[in-house]
Amino acid sequence: MSVDDPFRGKRGWTEVNEQNYRAEVIDSKKPVLVEFWGPKCKDCLEMAQAIQKLSERLAERIKFCHFKCPSRYAVLELGIRNLPTFYFYDGGRLVNSLSKENAKPEKIGQALEALLGGRP
């Protein structure tokens, strides 16, 4: 796993940024998880493997995206204050978020199941 980008080469992940956030996240037909992470964020790097396992299990039903920080857009436009932060979108709307101490793999898994809300 690359220290500068633990998602590099991982199937099922889409890199998002200021230029493609709307197209990839807001306009997505599937529910979306966006992980805001940073290469110097120890918690982000420690969680990468657990989050990858969730993506492997749910990638057909949920779109998994990652947004590399620091980013002025993430802070000013999206309200990111801590890393890691996870945003959960459904129908283009932000419906849940978890960050820092609340962003544990089991809580993220529960939030993803809730995001699916009984969808096949």
Protein backbone atom coordinates (compact mmCIF):
# COMPACT_ATOMS: atom_id res chain seq x y z
CA MET A 1 0.00 0.00 0.00
CA SER A 2 1.49 3.30 -1.06
CA VAL A 3 2.07 5.76 1.77
CA ASP A 4 1.32 8.73 -0.47
CA ASP A 5 -1.90 7.20 -1.83
CA PRO A 6 -3.32 4.03 -0.26
CA PHE A 7 -6.04 3.96 -2.93
CA ARG A 8 -3.70 3.88 -5.92
CA GLY A 9 -4.43 0.77 -7.93
CA LYS A 10 -7.42 -0.22 -5.81
CA ARG A 11 -10.34 -1.35 -7.92
CA GLY A 12 -13.65 0.32 -7.24
CA TRP A 13 -12.35 3.68 -5.99
CA THR A 14 -12.81 6.97 -7.84
CA GLU A 15 -10.53 9.90 -7.10
CA VAL A 16 -12.50 13.11 -6.73
CA ASN A 17 -11.42 16.73 -6.50
CA GLU A 18 -12.80 20.23 -7.00
CA GLN A 19 -13.16 19.74 -10.76
CA ASN A 20 -15.13 16.48 -10.77
CA TYR A 21 -16.92 16.45 -7.39
CA ARG A 22 -20.31 17.36 -8.81
CA ALA A 23 -20.15 14.87 -11.67
CA GLU A 24 -18.79 11.97 -9.62
CA VAL A 25 -20.59 12.51 -6.30
CA ILE A 26 -23.61 14.80 -6.54
CA ASP A 27 -24.80 13.51 -9.93
CA SER A 28 -24.12 9.83 -9.17
CA LYS A 29 -26.99 7.40 -9.73
CA LYS A 30 -25.68 5.23 -6.88
CA PRO A 31 -25.31 6.16 -3.22
CA VAL A 32 -21.79 7.50 -2.60
CA LEU A 33 -19.20 7.32 0.15
CA VAL A 34 -16.51 10.00 -0.04
CA GLU A 35 -13.45 9.58 2.15
CA PHE A 36 -11.49 12.77 2.79
CA TRP A 37 -7.96 11.73 3.67
CA GLY A 38 -4.41 13.02 3.74
CA PRO A 39 -1.05 11.37 3.10
CA LYS A 40 0.24 12.53 6.51
CA CYS A 41 -2.91 11.42 8.36
CA LYS A 42 -1.92 8.38 10.41
CA ASP A 43 -5.56 7.46 11.14
CA CYS A 44 -6.41 7.63 7.42
CA LEU A 45 -3.60 5.29 6.47
CA GLU A 46 -4.41 2.86 9.30
CA MET A 47 -8.05 2.64 8.20
CA ALA A 48 -7.35 2.23 4.48
CA GLN A 49 -7.29 -1.58 4.53
CA ALA A 50 -10.56 -1.90 6.48
CA ILE A 51 -12.30 0.59 4.19
CA GLN A 52 -10.96 -1.27 1.16
CA LYS A 53 -12.61 -4.46 2.45
CA LEU A 54 -15.94 -2.63 2.73
CA SER A 55 -15.56 -1.32 -0.81
CA GLU A 56 -14.84 -4.80 -2.15
CA ARG A 57 -18.05 -6.07 -0.56
CA LEU A 58 -20.31 -3.16 -1.53
CA ALA A 59 -18.80 -1.62 -4.70
CA GLU A 60 -21.63 -2.83 -6.94
CA ARG A 61 -24.22 -0.97 -4.86
CA ILE A 62 -22.27 2.03 -3.52
CA LYS A 63 -19.81 4.29 -5.30
CA PHE A 64 -16.58 4.71 -3.30
CA CYS A 65 -14.63 7.95 -3.76
CA HIS A 66 -11.60 9.49 -2.12
CA PHE A 67 -10.62 13.14 -1.90
CA LYS A 68 -6.98 13.91 -1.07
CA CYS A 69 -6.47 16.74 1.41
CA PRO A 70 -5.36 19.33 2.26
CA SER A 71 -7.66 21.08 -0.15
CA ARG A 72 -8.99 24.62 0.02
CA TYR A 73 -12.18 23.42 -1.71
CA ALA A 74 -12.72 20.61 0.81
CA VAL A 75 -12.37 23.04 3.72
CA LEU A 76 -14.21 26.09 2.38
CA GLU A 77 -16.90 24.50 0.20
CA LEU A 78 -17.45 21.10 1.80
CA GLY A 79 -16.75 21.93 5.45
CA ILE A 80 -14.00 19.38 6.09
CA ARG A 81 -12.32 20.12 9.42
CA ASN A 82 -10.79 16.76 10.45
CA LEU A 83 -9.23 13.77 8.76
CA PRO A 84 -10.40 11.21 8.12
CA THR A 85 -13.91 12.39 7.32
CA PHE A 86 -16.51 10.32 5.51
CA TYR A 87 -19.48 11.84 3.68
CA PHE A 88 -22.43 9.68 2.68
CA TYR A 89 -24.58 10.86 -0.23
CA ASP A 90 -27.88 9.59 -1.56
CA GLY A 91 -29.60 11.18 -4.53
CA GLY A 92 -27.06 13.99 -4.53
CA ARG A 93 -27.79 14.93 -0.92
CA LEU A 94 -25.40 14.63 2.01
CA VAL A 95 -27.27 12.32 4.39
CA ASN A 96 -24.62 11.40 6.96
CA SER A 97 -21.03 12.08 7.96
CA LEU A 98 -18.47 10.59 10.28
CA SER A 99 -15.11 12.05 11.19
CA LYS A 100 -12.06 11.60 13.36
CA GLU A 101 -12.98 9.62 16.49
CA ASN A 102 -16.41 8.57 15.13
CA ALA A 103 -14.91 7.27 11.89
CA LYS A 104 -14.31 3.65 12.84
CA PRO A 105 -14.69 0.81 10.32
CA GLU A 106 -17.69 -0.71 12.14
CA LYS A 107 -19.52 2.64 12.25
CA ILE A 108 -18.73 3.24 8.59
CA GLY A 109 -20.07 -0.22 7.74
CA GLN A 110 -23.28 0.52 9.65
CA ALA A 111 -23.66 3.88 7.91
CA LEU A 112 -23.18 2.21 4.51
CA GLU A 113 -25.88 -0.39 5.30
CA ALA A 114 -28.20 2.44 6.39
CA LEU A 115 -27.37 4.29 3.19
CA LEU A 116 -28.55 1.29 1.21
CA GLY A 117 -31.76 1.23 3.24
CA GLY A 118 -33.00 -2.13 2.00
CA ARG A 119 -31.93 -1.66 -1.62
CA PRO A 120 -30.98 -4.88 -3.39
